[in-house]
Amino acid sequence: MTGGDSLDIRPIGVIRTPFESVAGIPVQPLSGKGIRGKIILREEYAEGLKDLDGFSHATLIYHLHRAAAPALRVVPFMDDEEHGIFATRSPRRPNRIGISTVRILKVDKNEIEIEDLDMIDGTPLLDIKPFFPEFDNRHGGRAGWLEKRKGENKEGCRSDDRFTGE
């Protein structure tokens, strides 16, 4: 492996949400529609928020700090069959990295008010990327095993305790 076997990644802030426990948390941002929280960015990164308020959404990259031990096969929330971890969005990933695209409500100094949340309170934030609809939406793509769930209402889908490290 080039570049060595480790990375030095440090949180740039923390995500505050109303969810104290992993069980019952929304499954993906669509299920967290209307749920509000905030990002508290470390002061030294506040200058990097310039112009973010011009975007409606941002994709957050964060550490799944309360996920159970990694597994290469899991039964995801949206199915009752086992799948490889890289064919799911299960939090039991080797590097426990999560992504969510959230709505930006307000940017003020080092804080960002956000909506449509699916992460637990205190989640360490690793990065923020502005959402570009032209680049980030891939209409006509295939959804693998999730194709059988196409057309189902996924709003309100909540997690159980299958992936908790608690």
Foldseek 3Di string as FASTA:
>chain_A
DPPDDDDDFAFQWWKAFPAADQFFFADALLQQAFGKTKTQGDLVCLVVCPPLVVFFKKKWKFAQVFWAAADQWDADLLGRDIDGPVLDQAQSHNRSIHIHIWTWDDRDRRMTMTGSDGGHGGIGTGDIGGDDCVPPDDPPDDSPPCVVVPPPDSHNRTHHCPTGND
